[in-house]
Amino acid sequence: MKIKTVLETPIKNNVHQVDARMLYNNESAQAVHMTLNPGESLKPHITPVNVFFFVIEGTPDVLIGEEKQRIATNSLVESPKDIVHCIYNNTETIVRILVVKAPRPTTATKVL
């Protein structure tokens, strides 16, 4: 059995300059744990594969296409491939999100 804990997984260098930790990386999918401190956000970007976000803690604002909405803890948001998306922490508390891409991308994400 393989077990990874978030705090023992190194922070990976990323264009968003946020705490992002690769928990799973296989041809079938990638899973990244992200922590956004108050005021932090990702850069708007487009991924070449389907993505979903599961909000573990906090209430981030999520942009999918042209729709932006505040998302409650314990909610899952889908983002189809080739559509702009972004996550913002416009609150005073930490936001933790599990980001899953399926399958693992073979081409680069386009940062806008």
Protein backbone atom coordinates (compact mmCIF):
# COMPACT_ATOMS: atom_id res chain seq x y z
CA MET A 1 0.00 0.00 0.00
CA LYS A 2 1.31 3.45 -0.95
CA ILE A 3 0.38 6.33 1.35
CA LYS A 4 1.31 9.98 0.85
CA THR A 5 0.64 12.68 3.39
CA VAL A 6 0.25 16.26 2.26
CA LEU A 7 2.77 17.79 4.65
CA GLU A 8 5.44 15.20 3.80
CA THR A 9 5.03 15.82 0.05
CA PRO A 10 7.31 18.59 -1.27
CA ILE A 11 5.86 21.78 -2.70
CA LYS A 12 6.28 21.70 -6.46
CA ASN A 13 7.48 24.72 -8.41
CA ASN A 14 4.53 26.15 -10.34
CA VAL A 15 3.61 29.17 -12.42
CA HIS A 16 0.93 30.16 -9.89
CA GLN A 17 3.52 30.46 -7.08
CA VAL A 18 1.23 28.77 -4.54
CA ASP A 19 1.61 25.75 -2.26
CA ALA A 20 0.93 22.86 -4.67
CA ARG A 21 1.86 19.28 -3.80
CA MET A 22 1.67 16.39 -6.29
CA LEU A 23 -0.03 13.54 -4.44
CA TYR A 24 -0.66 11.25 -7.43
CA ASN A 25 0.89 11.21 -10.89
CA ASN A 26 -0.07 8.39 -13.21
CA GLU A 27 -1.04 8.17 -16.89
CA SER A 28 -4.69 7.90 -15.90
CA ALA A 29 -4.77 10.97 -13.63
CA GLN A 30 -2.93 13.55 -11.55
CA ALA A 31 -3.97 14.74 -8.09
CA VAL A 32 -2.53 17.93 -6.61
CA HIS A 33 -3.27 19.36 -3.16
CA MET A 34 -3.28 23.18 -3.24
CA THR A 35 -3.34 25.62 -0.37
CA LEU A 36 -4.30 29.23 -1.06
CA ASN A 37 -3.67 31.75 1.69
CA PRO A 38 -5.99 34.74 2.00
CA GLY A 39 -5.63 36.92 -1.10
CA GLU A 40 -3.85 34.25 -3.17
CA SER A 41 -5.17 32.92 -6.46
CA LEU A 42 -4.18 30.87 -9.45
CA LYS A 43 -3.55 32.57 -12.78
CA PRO A 44 -6.41 32.05 -15.25
CA HIS A 45 -5.43 29.08 -17.42
CA ILE A 46 -6.67 26.42 -19.81
CA THR A 47 -5.83 22.74 -19.39
CA PRO A 48 -5.86 20.23 -22.24
CA VAL A 49 -7.71 17.63 -20.11
CA ASN A 50 -10.78 17.52 -17.88
CA VAL A 51 -10.23 18.79 -14.34
CA PHE A 52 -12.21 18.74 -11.13
CA PHE A 53 -11.69 20.66 -7.93
CA PHE A 54 -12.76 19.32 -4.54
CA VAL A 55 -12.87 22.00 -1.84
CA ILE A 56 -11.45 20.49 1.35
CA GLU A 57 -11.41 23.67 3.43
CA GLY A 58 -12.59 27.25 2.98
CA THR A 59 -14.84 28.90 0.41
CA PRO A 60 -12.94 29.89 -2.74
CA ASP A 61 -14.33 31.72 -5.73
CA VAL A 62 -14.03 29.51 -8.82
CA LEU A 63 -14.15 30.71 -12.42
CA ILE A 64 -15.15 28.20 -15.12
CA GLY A 65 -15.50 29.76 -18.56
CA GLU A 66 -17.41 33.00 -17.95
CA GLU A 67 -19.14 31.83 -14.75
CA LYS A 68 -17.66 32.74 -11.35
CA GLN A 69 -19.16 31.48 -8.10
CA ARG A 70 -18.24 31.07 -4.42
CA ILE A 71 -17.93 27.37 -3.64
CA ALA A 72 -18.72 25.77 -0.28
CA THR A 73 -16.47 23.37 1.59
CA ASN A 74 -16.97 19.69 0.62
CA SER A 75 -18.10 20.62 -2.90
CA LEU A 76 -16.80 19.36 -6.23
CA VAL A 77 -16.56 21.59 -9.31
CA GLU A 78 -15.99 20.24 -12.83
CA SER A 79 -13.99 22.07 -15.47
CA PRO A 80 -14.07 20.59 -18.98
CA LYS A 81 -10.87 20.57 -21.00
CA ASP A 82 -9.96 23.60 -23.13
CA ILE A 83 -12.01 26.05 -21.01
CA VAL A 84 -10.47 28.84 -18.94
CA HIS A 85 -10.64 28.29 -15.20
CA CYS A 86 -9.21 29.85 -12.06
CA ILE A 87 -9.47 29.65 -8.26
CA TYR A 88 -9.37 32.72 -6.00
CA ASN A 89 -9.18 32.98 -2.24
CA ASN A 90 -10.96 36.26 -1.58
CA THR A 91 -11.58 35.36 2.08
CA GLU A 92 -9.70 35.83 5.34
CA THR A 93 -9.18 32.09 5.88
CA ILE A 94 -7.09 29.39 4.23
CA VAL A 95 -8.47 27.46 1.25
CA ARG A 96 -7.39 23.87 0.57
CA ILE A 97 -8.36 22.15 -2.68
CA LEU A 98 -7.72 18.79 -4.28
CA VAL A 99 -7.22 19.29 -8.04
CA VAL A 100 -7.59 16.19 -10.22
CA LYS A 101 -6.73 16.09 -13.93
CA ALA A 102 -7.81 13.07 -15.94
CA PRO A 103 -6.02 11.78 -17.82
CA ARG A 104 -2.60 13.21 -16.99
CA PRO A 105 -1.89 16.01 -19.50
CA THR A 106 0.63 15.31 -22.24
CA THR A 107 0.74 18.93 -23.43
CA ALA A 108 1.30 22.11 -21.46
CA THR A 109 -1.35 24.12 -19.69
CA LYS A 110 -1.89 27.53 -21.31
CA VAL A 111 -1.58 30.37 -18.79
CA LEU A 112 -3.47 33.49 -19.82
